[in-house]
């Protein structure tokens, strides 16, 4: 198997009091996922954790965070603990929920594996 899937992919989302998830990407090892928030609506934040499935499509996902959640504001970079690989799932995404009930927008980078 070639190297892990640690290259950054861009994400951008706009939500209004609801949730959003990144596209699914293949998980190739047991490393943490990585996420960096490069822009967010002023004063806003979101909470994120790892989810996984075997189809690579939205829906039918399992929470693989073991309770680890992360708060992101502009400039926040974190490694996101997950048990995707250990539980035998092939694809991972990051599930995000805004911390406030109004419309917000966020952008950044993420990868399912870290170095």
PDB file of N, CA and C in Angstrom:
ATOM      1  N   UNK A   1       0.844  -1.171   0.000  1.00  0.00           N
ATOM      2  CA  UNK A   1       0.000   0.000   0.000  1.00  0.00           C
ATOM      3  C   UNK A   1       0.889   1.234   0.000  1.00  0.00           C
ATOM      4  N   UNK A   2       0.529   2.228  -0.777  1.00  0.00           N
ATOM      5  CA  UNK A   2       1.298   3.465  -0.826  1.00  0.00           C
ATOM      6  C   UNK A   2       1.026   4.288   0.425  1.00  0.00           C
ATOM      7  N   UNK A   3       1.664   5.448   0.529  1.00  0.00           N
ATOM      8  CA  UNK A   3       1.569   6.307   1.700  1.00  0.00           C
ATOM      9  C   UNK A   3       0.148   6.628   2.111  1.00  0.00           C
ATOM     10  N   UNK A   4       0.039   7.238   3.276  1.00  0.00           N
ATOM     11  CA  UNK A   4      -1.301   7.523   3.775  1.00  0.00           C
ATOM     12  C   UNK A   4      -1.943   8.694   3.035  1.00  0.00           C
ATOM     13  N   UNK A   5      -3.191   8.960   3.339  1.00  0.00           N
ATOM     14  CA  UNK A   5      -3.996   9.960   2.634  1.00  0.00           C
ATOM     15  C   UNK A   5      -3.987  11.276   3.414  1.00  0.00           C
ATOM     16  N   UNK A   6      -2.795  11.866   3.573  1.00  0.00           N
ATOM     17  CA  UNK A   6      -2.671  13.049   4.410  1.00  0.00           C
ATOM     18  C   UNK A   6      -2.690  14.377   3.647  1.00  0.00           C
ATOM     19  N   UNK A   7      -2.827  14.360   2.314  1.00  0.00           N
ATOM     20  CA  UNK A   7      -2.847  15.640   1.594  1.00  0.00           C
ATOM     21  C   UNK A   7      -4.121  16.417   1.948  1.00  0.00           C
ATOM     22  N   UNK A   8      -3.975  17.737   1.996  1.00  0.00           N
ATOM     23  CA  UNK A   8      -5.087  18.597   2.384  1.00  0.00           C
ATOM     24  C   UNK A   8      -6.114  18.728   1.270  1.00  0.00           C
ATOM     25  N   UNK A   9      -7.377  18.726   1.646  1.00  0.00           N
ATOM     26  CA  UNK A   9      -8.480  19.015   0.732  1.00  0.00           C
ATOM     27  C   UNK A   9      -9.222  20.212   1.306  1.00  0.00           C
ATOM     28  N   UNK A  10      -9.664  21.101   0.449  1.00  0.00           N
ATOM     29  CA  UNK A  10     -10.394  22.266   0.909  1.00  0.00           C
ATOM     30  C   UNK A  10     -11.815  21.888   1.312  1.00  0.00           C
ATOM     31  N   UNK A  11     -12.360  22.631   2.261  1.00  0.00           N
ATOM     32  CA  UNK A  11     -13.774  22.526   2.579  1.00  0.00           C
ATOM     33  C   UNK A  11     -14.331  23.931   2.729  1.00  0.00           C
ATOM     34  N   UNK A  12     -15.591  24.075   2.460  1.00  0.00           N
ATOM     35  CA  UNK A  12     -16.313  25.330   2.674  1.00  0.00           C
ATOM     36  C   UNK A  12     -17.767  24.977   2.910  1.00  0.00           C
ATOM     37  N   UNK A  13     -18.367  25.597   3.892  1.00  0.00           N
ATOM     38  CA  UNK A  13     -19.776  25.328   4.147  1.00  0.00           C
ATOM     39  C   UNK A  13     -20.473  26.561   4.689  1.00  0.00           C
ATOM     40  N   UNK A  14     -21.732  26.658   4.388  1.00  0.00           N
ATOM     41  CA  UNK A  14     -22.605  27.691   4.939  1.00  0.00           C
ATOM     42  C   UNK A  14     -23.811  26.967   5.518  1.00  0.00           C
ATOM     43  N   UNK A  15     -24.080  27.206   6.779  1.00  0.00           N
ATOM     44  CA  UNK A  15     -25.210  26.548   7.434  1.00  0.00           C
ATOM     45  C   UNK A  15     -26.013  27.574   8.207  1.00  0.00           C
ATOM     46  N   UNK A  16     -27.249  27.209   8.470  1.00  0.00           N
ATOM     47  CA  UNK A  16     -28.110  28.055   9.292  1.00  0.00           C
ATOM     48  C   UNK A  16     -28.735  27.182  10.363  1.00  0.00           C
ATOM     49  N   UNK A  17     -28.074  27.131  11.515  1.00  0.00           N
ATOM     50  CA  UNK A  17     -28.593  26.407  12.663  1.00  0.00           C
ATOM     51  C   UNK A  17     -28.701  24.909  12.475  1.00  0.00           C
ATOM     52  N   UNK A  18     -27.817  24.301  11.672  1.00  0.00           N
ATOM     53  CA  UNK A  18     -27.907  22.865  11.401  1.00  0.00           C
ATOM     54  C   UNK A  18     -26.512  22.259  11.367  1.00  0.00           C
ATOM     55  N   UNK A  19     -26.333  21.197  10.616  1.00  0.00           N
ATOM     56  CA  UNK A  19     -25.053  20.483  10.574  1.00  0.00           C
ATOM     57  C   UNK A  19     -24.540  20.359   9.146  1.00  0.00           C
ATOM     58  N   UNK A  20     -23.272  19.953   9.019  1.00  0.00           N
ATOM     59  CA  UNK A  20     -22.647  19.782   7.717  1.00  0.00           C
ATOM     60  C   UNK A  20     -21.524  18.772   7.874  1.00  0.00           C
ATOM     61  N   UNK A  21     -21.187  18.074   6.790  1.00  0.00           N
ATOM     62  CA  UNK A  21     -20.045  17.155   6.831  1.00  0.00           C
ATOM     63  C   UNK A  21     -19.230  17.296   5.560  1.00  0.00           C
ATOM     64  N   UNK A  22     -17.931  17.045   5.683  1.00  0.00           N
ATOM     65  CA  UNK A  22     -17.039  17.096   4.525  1.00  0.00           C
ATOM     66  C   UNK A  22     -17.382  15.953   3.578  1.00  0.00           C
ATOM     67  N   UNK A  23     -16.778  15.952   2.400  1.00  0.00           N
ATOM     68  CA  UNK A  23     -16.850  14.782   1.530  1.00  0.00           C
ATOM     69  C   UNK A  23     -16.108  13.642   2.219  1.00  0.00           C
ATOM     70  N   UNK A  24     -16.438  12.422   1.850  1.00  0.00           N
ATOM     71  CA  UNK A  24     -15.740  11.261   2.400  1.00  0.00           C
ATOM     72  C   UNK A  24     -14.461  11.014   1.619  1.00  0.00           C
ATOM     73  N   UNK A  25     -13.415  10.624   2.340  1.00  0.00           N
ATOM     74  CA  UNK A  25     -12.141  10.277   1.706  1.00  0.00           C
ATOM     75  C   UNK A  25     -11.652   8.959   2.272  1.00  0.00           C
ATOM     76  N   UNK A  26     -10.878   8.233   1.478  1.00  0.00           N
ATOM     77  CA  UNK A  26     -10.372   6.928   1.910  1.00  0.00           C
ATOM     78  C   UNK A  26      -9.444   7.088   3.104  1.00  0.00           C
ATOM     79  N   UNK A  27      -9.637   6.245   4.108  1.00  0.00           N
ATOM     80  CA  UNK A  27      -8.803   6.213   5.309  1.00  0.00           C
ATOM     81  C   UNK A  27      -7.808   5.085   5.132  1.00  0.00           C
ATOM     82  N   UNK A  28      -6.501   5.383   5.232  1.00  0.00           N
ATOM     83  CA  UNK A  28      -5.487   4.374   4.908  1.00  0.00           C
ATOM     84  C   UNK A  28      -4.654   3.910   6.092  1.00  0.00           C
ATOM     85  N   UNK A  29      -4.776   4.571   7.239  1.00  0.00           N
ATOM     86  CA  UNK A  29      -4.012   4.110   8.404  1.00  0.00           C
ATOM     87  C   UNK A  29      -4.704   4.551   9.691  1.00  0.00           C
ATOM     88  N   UNK A  30      -4.069   4.275  10.831  1.00  0.00           N
ATOM     89  CA  UNK A  30      -4.696   4.570  12.116  1.00  0.00           C
ATOM     90  C   UNK A  30      -4.316   5.940  12.688  1.00  0.00           C
ATOM     91  N   UNK A  31      -3.825   6.836  11.843  1.00  0.00           N
ATOM     92  CA  UNK A  31      -3.453   8.169  12.321  1.00  0.00           C
ATOM     93  C   UNK A  31      -4.698   9.034  12.558  1.00  0.00           C
ATOM     94  N   UNK A  32      -4.491  10.140  13.249  1.00  0.00           N
ATOM     95  CA  UNK A  32      -5.553  11.110  13.461  1.00  0.00           C
ATOM     96  C   UNK A  32      -5.890  11.799  12.146  1.00  0.00           C
ATOM     97  N   UNK A  33      -7.110  12.292  12.022  1.00  0.00           N
ATOM     98  CA  UNK A  33      -7.462  13.176  10.916  1.00  0.00           C
ATOM     99  C   UNK A  33      -6.892  14.555  11.253  1.00  0.00           C
ATOM    100  N   UNK A  34      -6.944  15.464  10.282  1.00  0.00           N
ATOM    101  CA  UNK A  34      -6.388  16.801  10.449  1.00  0.00           C
ATOM    102  C   UNK A  34      -7.384  17.815   9.917  1.00  0.00           C
ATOM    103  N   UNK A  35      -7.568  18.916  10.643  1.00  0.00           N
ATOM    104  CA  UNK A  35      -8.443  19.981  10.162  1.00  0.00           C
ATOM    105  C   UNK A  35      -7.875  21.336  10.566  1.00  0.00           C
ATOM    106  N   UNK A  36      -7.980  22.280   9.626  1.00  0.00           N
ATOM    107  CA  UNK A  36      -7.528  23.655   9.867  1.00  0.00           C
ATOM    108  C   UNK A  36      -8.626  24.597   9.391  1.00  0.00           C
ATOM    109  N   UNK A  37      -9.083  25.481  10.263  1.00  0.00           N
ATOM    110  CA  UNK A  37     -10.102  26.473   9.910  1.00  0.00           C
ATOM    111  C   UNK A  37      -9.377  27.758   9.504  1.00  0.00           C
ATOM    112  N   UNK A  38      -9.470  28.124   8.229  1.00  0.00           N
ATOM    113  CA  UNK A  38      -8.784  29.317   7.732  1.00  0.00           C
ATOM    114  C   UNK A  38      -9.686  30.545   7.679  1.00  0.00           C
ATOM    115  N   UNK A  39     -11.008  30.338   7.681  1.00  0.00           N
ATOM    116  CA  UNK A  39     -11.953  31.455   7.667  1.00  0.00           C
ATOM    117  C   UNK A  39     -13.239  31.005   8.346  1.00  0.00           C
ATOM    118  N   UNK A  40     -13.808  31.904   9.113  1.00  0.00           N
ATOM    119  CA  UNK A  40     -15.130  31.659   9.679  1.00  0.00           C
ATOM    120  C   UNK A  40     -15.788  33.015   9.902  1.00  0.00           C
ATOM    121  N   UNK A  41     -17.096  33.067   9.784  1.00  0.00           N
ATOM    122  CA  UNK A  41     -17.827  34.294  10.024  1.00  0.00           C
ATOM    123  C   UNK A  41     -17.417  34.852  11.392  1.00  0.00           C
ATOM    124  N   UNK A  42     -17.193  36.130  11.470  1.00  0.00           N
ATOM    125  CA  UNK A  42     -16.682  36.788  12.669  1.00  0.00           C
ATOM    126  C   UNK A  42     -17.422  36.365  13.936  1.00  0.00           C
ATOM    127  N   UNK A  43     -16.654  35.910  14.929  1.00  0.00           N
ATOM    128  CA  UNK A  43     -17.211  35.539  16.219  1.00  0.00           C
ATOM    129  C   UNK A  43     -17.828  34.162  16.296  1.00  0.00           C
ATOM    130  N   UNK A  44     -17.874  33.432  15.191  1.00  0.00           N
ATOM    131  CA  UNK A  44     -18.498  32.112  15.182  1.00  0.00           C
ATOM    132  C   UNK A  44     -17.492  31.005  15.456  1.00  0.00           C
ATOM    133  N   UNK A  45     -18.013  29.824  15.722  1.00  0.00           N
ATOM    134  CA  UNK A  45     -17.201  28.616  15.894  1.00  0.00           C
ATOM    135  C   UNK A  45     -18.067  27.408  15.553  1.00  0.00           C
ATOM    136  N   UNK A  46     -17.418  26.272  15.357  1.00  0.00           N
ATOM    137  CA  UNK A  46     -18.145  25.024  15.132  1.00  0.00           C
ATOM    138  C   UNK A  46     -17.465  23.906  15.882  1.00  0.00           C
ATOM    139  N   UNK A  47     -18.205  22.848  16.164  1.00  0.00           N
ATOM    140  CA  UNK A  47     -17.680  21.663  16.826  1.00  0.00           C
ATOM    141  C   UNK A  47     -17.601  20.548  15.797  1.00  0.00           C
ATOM    142  N   UNK A  48     -16.508  19.777  15.825  1.00  0.00           N
ATOM    143  CA  UNK A  48     -16.291  18.742  14.805  1.00  0.00           C
ATOM    144  C   UNK A  48     -15.869  17.419  15.450  1.00  0.00           C
ATOM    145  N   UNK A  49     -16.213  16.328  14.769  1.00  0.00           N
ATOM    146  CA  UNK A  49     -15.740  14.997  15.152  1.00  0.00           C
ATOM    147  C   UNK A  49     -15.749  14.088  13.920  1.00  0.00           C
ATOM    148  N   UNK A  50     -15.099  12.948  14.026  1.00  0.00           N
ATOM    149  CA  UNK A  50     -14.957  12.022  12.894  1.00  0.00           C
ATOM    150  C   UNK A  50     -16.163  11.087  12.772  1.00  0.00           C
ATOM    151  N   UNK A  51     -16.557  10.843  11.511  1.00  0.00           N
ATOM    152  CA  UNK A  51     -17.581   9.849  11.184  1.00  0.00           C
ATOM    153  C   UNK A  51     -17.031   8.979  10.046  1.00  0.00           C
ATOM    154  N   UNK A  52     -17.606   7.794   9.866  1.00  0.00           N
ATOM    155  CA  UNK A  52     -17.071   6.877   8.853  1.00  0.00           C
ATOM    156  C   UNK A  52     -18.146   5.964   8.299  1.00  0.00           C
ATOM    157  N   UNK A  53     -17.849   5.396   7.115  1.00  0.00           N
ATOM    158  CA  UNK A  53     -18.693   4.363   6.512  1.00  0.00           C
ATOM    159  C   UNK A  53     -17.862   3.586   5.493  1.00  0.00           C
ATOM    160  N   UNK A  54     -18.476   2.636   4.838  1.00  0.00           N
ATOM    161  CA  UNK A  54     -17.764   1.829   3.842  1.00  0.00           C
ATOM    162  C   UNK A  54     -18.167   2.139   2.409  1.00  0.00           C
ATOM    163  N   UNK A  55     -19.018   3.137   2.205  1.00  0.00           N
ATOM    164  CA  UNK A  55     -19.465   3.464   0.855  1.00  0.00           C
ATOM    165  C   UNK A  55     -18.781   4.698   0.279  1.00  0.00           C
ATOM    166  N   UNK A  56     -18.325   5.597   1.142  1.00  0.00           N
ATOM    167  CA  UNK A  56     -17.740   6.843   0.670  1.00  0.00           C
ATOM    168  C   UNK A  56     -18.791   7.850   0.248  1.00  0.00           C
ATOM    169  N   UNK A  57     -20.060   7.547   0.512  1.00  0.00           N
ATOM    170  CA  UNK A  57     -21.167   8.440   0.157  1.00  0.00           C
ATOM    171  C   UNK A  57     -21.818   8.953   1.436  1.00  0.00           C
ATOM    172  N   UNK A  58     -22.496  10.082   1.336  1.00  0.00           N
ATOM    173  CA  UNK A  58     -23.178  10.652   2.491  1.00  0.00           C
ATOM    174  C   UNK A  58     -24.334   9.758   2.914  1.00  0.00           C
ATOM    175  N   UNK A  59     -24.513   9.641   4.230  1.00  0.00           N
ATOM    176  CA  UNK A  59     -25.582   8.816   4.786  1.00  0.00           C
ATOM    177  C   UNK A  59     -25.059   7.497   5.301  1.00  0.00           C
ATOM    178  N   UNK A  60     -25.732   6.955   6.275  1.00  0.00           N
ATOM    179  CA  UNK A  60     -25.357   5.666   6.833  1.00  0.00           C
ATOM    180  C   UNK A  60     -24.025   5.684   7.549  1.00  0.00           C
ATOM    181  N   UNK A  61     -23.690   6.798   8.167  1.00  0.00           N
ATOM    182  CA  UNK A  61     -22.388   6.947   8.822  1.00  0.00           C
ATOM    183  C   UNK A  61     -22.433   6.531  10.276  1.00  0.00           C
ATOM    184  N   UNK A  62     -21.260   6.215  10.802  1.00  0.00           N
ATOM    185  CA  UNK A  62     -21.084   5.846  12.199  1.00  0.00           C
ATOM    186  C   UNK A  62     -20.142   6.850  12.854  1.00  0.00           C
ATOM    187  N   UNK A  63     -20.475   7.269  14.050  1.00  0.00           N
ATOM    188  CA  UNK A  63     -19.594   8.140  14.831  1.00  0.00           C
ATOM    189  C   UNK A  63     -18.399   7.298  15.292  1.00  0.00           C
ATOM    190  N   UNK A  64     -17.212   7.693  14.880  1.00  0.00           N
ATOM    191  CA  UNK A  64     -15.999   6.950  15.247  1.00  0.00           C
ATOM    192  C   UNK A  64     -15.069   7.811  16.110  1.00  0.00           C
ATOM    193  N   UNK A  65     -15.645   8.755  16.844  1.00  0.00           N
ATOM    194  CA  UNK A  65     -14.851   9.698  17.627  1.00  0.00           C
ATOM    195  C   UNK A  65     -14.571   9.240  19.054  1.00  0.00           C
ATOM    196  N   UNK A  66     -15.287   8.209  19.514  1.00  0.00           N
ATOM    197  CA  UNK A  66     -15.178   7.768  20.912  1.00  0.00           C
ATOM    198  C   UNK A  66     -15.362   8.926  21.886  1.00  0.00           C
ATOM    199  N   UNK A  67     -16.190   9.898  21.508  1.00  0.00           N
ATOM    200  CA  UNK A  67     -16.500  11.016  22.388  1.00  0.00           C
ATOM    201  C   UNK A  67     -15.583  12.217  22.271  1.00  0.00           C
ATOM    202  N   UNK A  68     -14.547  12.130  21.428  1.00  0.00           N
ATOM    203  CA  UNK A  68     -13.645  13.264  21.246  1.00  0.00           C
ATOM    204  C   UNK A  68     -14.255  14.249  20.259  1.00  0.00           C
ATOM    205  N   UNK A  69     -14.483  15.493  20.706  1.00  0.00           N
ATOM    206  CA  UNK A  69     -15.000  16.558  19.855  1.00  0.00           C
ATOM    207  C   UNK A  69     -14.066  17.753  19.965  1.00  0.00           C
ATOM    208  N   UNK A  70     -14.060  18.575  18.920  1.00  0.00           N
ATOM    209  CA  UNK A  70     -13.102  19.677  18.824  1.00  0.00           C
ATOM    210  C   UNK A  70     -13.816  20.946  18.396  1.00  0.00           C
ATOM    211  N   UNK A  71     -13.506  22.050  19.064  1.00  0.00           N
ATOM    212  CA  UNK A  71     -14.083  23.346  18.719  1.00  0.00           C
ATOM    213  C   UNK A  71     -13.101  24.093  17.823  1.00  0.00           C
ATOM    214  N   UNK A  72     -13.624  24.630  16.714  1.00  0.00           N
ATOM    215  CA  UNK A  72     -12.812  25.359  15.752  1.00  0.00           C
ATOM    216  C   UNK A  72     -13.277  26.801  15.637  1.00  0.00           C
ATOM    217  N   UNK A  73     -12.308  27.705  15.681  1.00  0.00           N
ATOM    218  CA  UNK A  73     -12.482  29.121  15.388  1.00  0.00           C
ATOM    219  C   UNK A  73     -11.478  29.439  14.288  1.00  0.00           C
ATOM    220  N   UNK A  74     -11.498  30.644  13.753  1.00  0.00           N
ATOM    221  CA  UNK A  74     -10.538  31.022  12.717  1.00  0.00           C
ATOM    222  C   UNK A  74      -9.118  30.830  13.239  1.00  0.00           C
ATOM    223  N   UNK A  75      -8.299  30.130  12.433  1.00  0.00           N
ATOM    224  CA  UNK A  75      -6.912  29.882  12.783  1.00  0.00           C
ATOM    225  C   UNK A  75      -6.669  28.613  13.583  1.00  0.00           C
ATOM    226  N   UNK A  76      -7.732  27.920  13.982  1.00  0.00           N
ATOM    227  CA  UNK A  76      -7.588  26.680  14.755  1.00  0.00           C
ATOM    228  C   UNK A  76      -7.125  25.543  13.854  1.00  0.00           C
ATOM    229  N   UNK A  77      -6.110  24.800  14.299  1.00  0.00           N
ATOM    230  CA  UNK A  77      -5.620  23.607  13.617  1.00  0.00           C
ATOM    231  C   UNK A  77      -5.570  22.487  14.642  1.00  0.00           C
ATOM    232  N   UNK A  78      -6.169  21.343  14.318  1.00  0.00           N
ATOM    233  CA  UNK A  78      -6.184  20.229  15.270  1.00  0.00           C
ATOM    234  C   UNK A  78      -6.066  18.892  14.559  1.00  0.00           C
ATOM    235  N   UNK A  79      -5.481  17.929  15.263  1.00  0.00           N
ATOM    236  CA  UNK A  79      -5.537  16.534  14.862  1.00  0.00           C
ATOM    237  C   UNK A  79      -6.769  15.950  15.546  1.00  0.00           C
ATOM    238  N   UNK A  80      -7.598  15.260  14.762  1.00  0.00           N
ATOM    239  CA  UNK A  80      -8.877  14.756  15.252  1.00  0.00           C
ATOM    240  C   UNK A  80      -8.781  13.247  15.465  1.00  0.00           C
ATOM    241  N   UNK A  81      -8.859  12.836  16.721  1.00  0.00           N
ATOM    242  CA  UNK A  81      -8.776  11.406  17.042  1.00  0.00           C
ATOM    243  C   UNK A  81      -9.977  10.677  16.460  1.00  0.00           C
ATOM    244  N   UNK A  82      -9.720   9.464  15.992  1.00  0.00           N
ATOM    245  CA  UNK A  82     -10.782   8.663  15.406  1.00  0.00           C
ATOM    246  C   UNK A  82     -10.396   7.189  15.440  1.00  0.00           C
ATOM    247  N   UNK A  83     -11.409   6.333  15.282  1.00  0.00           N
ATOM    248  CA  UNK A  83     -11.214   4.885  15.261  1.00  0.00           C
ATOM    249  C   UNK A  83     -11.791   4.306  13.972  1.00  0.00           C
ATOM    250  N   UNK A  84     -11.632   5.035  12.883  1.00  0.00           N
ATOM    251  CA  UNK A  84     -12.136   4.605  11.580  1.00  0.00           C
ATOM    252  C   UNK A  84     -11.439   3.327  11.136  1.00  0.00           C
ATOM    253  N   UNK A  85     -10.141   3.365  11.046  1.00  0.00           N
ATOM    254  CA  UNK A  85      -9.321   2.253  10.559  1.00  0.00           C
ATOM    255  C   UNK A  85      -9.456   1.038  11.479  1.00  0.00           C
ATOM    256  N   UNK A  86      -9.409   1.286  12.784  1.00  0.00           N
ATOM    257  CA  UNK A  86      -9.476   0.192  13.762  1.00  0.00           C
ATOM    258  C   UNK A  86     -10.817  -0.530  13.733  1.00  0.00           C
ATOM    259  N   UNK A  87     -11.883   0.168  13.360  1.00  0.00           N
ATOM    260  CA  UNK A  87     -13.215  -0.452  13.301  1.00  0.00           C
ATOM    261  C   UNK A  87     -13.537  -1.011  11.926  1.00  0.00           C
ATOM    262  N   UNK A  88     -12.569  -0.963  11.013  1.00  0.00           N
ATOM    263  CA  UNK A  88     -12.727  -1.589   9.710  1.00  0.00           C
ATOM    264  C   UNK A  88     -13.457  -0.765   8.669  1.00  0.00           C
ATOM    265  N   UNK A  89     -13.646   0.524   8.910  1.00  0.00           N
ATOM    266  CA  UNK A  89     -14.285   1.381   7.912  1.00  0.00           C
ATOM    267  C   UNK A  89     -13.266   1.849   6.881  1.00  0.00           C
ATOM    268  N   UNK A  90     -13.723   2.075   5.661  1.00  0.00           N
ATOM    269  CA  UNK A  90     -12.832   2.452   4.564  1.00  0.00           C
ATOM    270  C   UNK A  90     -12.799   3.952   4.305  1.00  0.00           C
ATOM    271  N   UNK A  91     -13.871   4.680   4.660  1.00  0.00           N
ATOM    272  CA  UNK A  91     -13.973   6.100   4.332  1.00  0.00           C
ATOM    273  C   UNK A  91     -14.287   6.922   5.578  1.00  0.00           C
ATOM    274  N   UNK A  92     -13.740   8.122   5.590  1.00  0.00           N
ATOM    275  CA  UNK A  92     -13.933   9.007   6.732  1.00  0.00           C
ATOM    276  C   UNK A  92     -14.349  10.393   6.265  1.00  0.00           C
ATOM    277  N   UNK A  93     -15.114  11.074   7.101  1.00  0.00           N
ATOM    278  CA  UNK A  93     -15.487  12.471   6.893  1.00  0.00           C
ATOM    279  C   UNK A  93     -15.467  13.152   8.250  1.00  0.00           C
ATOM    280  N   UNK A  94     -15.545  14.466   8.235  1.00  0.00           N
ATOM    281  CA  UNK A  94     -15.641  15.221   9.474  1.00  0.00           C
ATOM    282  C   UNK A  94     -17.033  15.838   9.548  1.00  0.00           C
ATOM    283  N   UNK A  95     -17.707  15.566  10.644  1.00  0.00           N
ATOM    284  CA  UNK A  95     -19.041  16.079  10.913  1.00  0.00           C
ATOM    285  C   UNK A  95     -18.886  17.379  11.695  1.00  0.00           C
ATOM    286  N   UNK A  96     -19.572  18.438  11.248  1.00  0.00           N
ATOM    287  CA  UNK A  96     -19.446  19.742  11.887  1.00  0.00           C
ATOM    288  C   UNK A  96     -20.806  20.297  12.239  1.00  0.00           C
ATOM    289  N   UNK A  97     -20.886  20.929  13.393  1.00  0.00           N
ATOM    290  CA  UNK A  97     -22.118  21.538  13.858  1.00  0.00           C
ATOM    291  C   UNK A  97     -21.800  22.947  14.361  1.00  0.00           C
ATOM    292  N   UNK A  98     -22.518  23.965  13.859  1.00  0.00           N
ATOM    293  CA  UNK A  98     -22.250  25.329  14.332  1.00  0.00           C
ATOM    294  C   UNK A  98     -22.604  25.451  15.814  1.00  0.00           C
ATOM    295  N   UNK A  99     -21.866  26.279  16.521  1.00  0.00           N
ATOM    296  CA  UNK A  99     -22.097  26.453  17.955  1.00  0.00           C
ATOM    297  C   UNK A  99     -23.140  27.523  18.265  1.00  0.00           C
ATOM    298  N   UNK A 100     -23.678  28.141  17.236  1.00  0.00           N
ATOM    299  CA  UNK A 100     -24.711  29.161  17.414  1.00  0.00           C
ATOM    300  C   UNK A 100     -25.821  28.878  16.407  1.00  0.00           C
ATOM    301  N   UNK A 101     -27.012  29.324  16.683  1.00  0.00           N
ATOM    302  CA  UNK A 101     -28.158  28.978  15.850  1.00  0.00           C
ATOM    303  C   UNK A 101     -28.427  29.902  14.681  1.00  0.00           C
ATOM    304  N   UNK A 102     -27.456  30.673  14.259  1.00  0.00           N
ATOM    305  CA  UNK A 102     -27.674  31.573  13.138  1.00  0.00           C
ATOM    306  C   UNK A 102     -26.824  31.154  11.929  1.00  0.00           C
ATOM    307  N   UNK A 103     -27.048  31.783  10.810  1.00  0.00           N
ATOM    308  CA  UNK A 103     -26.313  31.463   9.590  1.00  0.00           C
ATOM    309  C   UNK A 103     -24.831  31.783   9.768  1.00  0.00           C
ATOM    310  N   UNK A 104     -23.972  30.862   9.345  1.00  0.00           N
ATOM    311  CA  UNK A 104     -22.529  31.065   9.425  1.00  0.00           C
ATOM    312  C   UNK A 104     -21.839  30.425   8.235  1.00  0.00           C
ATOM    313  N   UNK A 105     -20.614  30.832   7.987  1.00  0.00           N
ATOM    314  CA  UNK A 105     -19.820  30.289   6.889  1.00  0.00           C
ATOM    315  C   UNK A 105     -18.422  30.003   7.408  1.00  0.00           C
ATOM    316  N   UNK A 106     -17.849  28.863   7.003  1.00  0.00           N
ATOM    317  CA  UNK A 106     -16.483  28.499   7.399  1.00  0.00           C
ATOM    318  C   UNK A 106     -15.770  27.857   6.223  1.00  0.00           C
ATOM    319  N   UNK A 107     -14.450  27.981   6.203  1.00  0.00           N
ATOM    320  CA  UNK A 107     -13.599  27.385   5.170  1.00  0.00           C
ATOM    321  C   UNK A 107     -12.320  26.882   5.816  1.00  0.00           C
ATOM    322  N   UNK A 108     -11.655  25.963   5.129  1.00  0.00           N
ATOM    323  CA  UNK A 108     -10.387  25.470   5.633  1.00  0.00           C
ATOM    324  C   UNK A 108      -9.880  24.277   4.864  1.00  0.00           C
ATOM    325  N   UNK A 109      -9.044  23.493   5.530  1.00  0.00           N
ATOM    326  CA  UNK A 109      -8.414  22.310   4.962  1.00  0.00           C
ATOM    327  C   UNK A 109      -8.616  21.133   5.887  1.00  0.00           C
ATOM    328  N   UNK A 110      -8.629  19.916   5.309  1.00  0.00           N
ATOM    329  CA  UNK A 110      -8.714  18.739   6.158  1.00  0.00           C
ATOM    330  C   UNK A 110      -8.137  17.532   5.424  1.00  0.00           C
ATOM    331  N   UNK A 111      -7.777  16.517   6.164  1.00  0.00           N
ATOM    332  CA  UNK A 111      -7.367  15.238   5.586  1.00  0.00           C
ATOM    333  C   UNK A 111      -7.744  14.121   6.565  1.00  0.00           C
ATOM    334  N   UNK A 112      -8.039  12.922   6.035  1.00  0.00           N
ATOM    335  CA  UNK A 112      -8.435  11.814   6.903  1.00  0.00           C
ATOM    336  C   UNK A 112      -7.262  11.175   7.646  1.00  0.00           C
ATOM    337  N   UNK A 113      -6.055  11.363   7.134  1.00  0.00           N
ATOM    338  CA  UNK A 113      -4.849  10.840   7.775  1.00  0.00           C
ATOM    339  C   UNK A 113      -3.909  12.005   8.046  1.00  0.00           C
ATOM    340  N   UNK A 114      -3.087  11.883   9.054  1.00  0.00           N
ATOM    341  CA  UNK A 114      -2.092  12.908   9.336  1.00  0.00           C
ATOM    342  C   UNK A 114      -0.711  12.257   9.278  1.00  0.00           C
ATOM    343  N   UNK A 115       0.271  13.097   9.220  1.00  0.00           N
ATOM    344  CA  UNK A 115       1.655  12.585   9.108  1.00  0.00           C
ATOM    345  C   UNK A 115       2.128  12.122  10.467  1.00  0.00           C
TER     346      UNK A 115
END
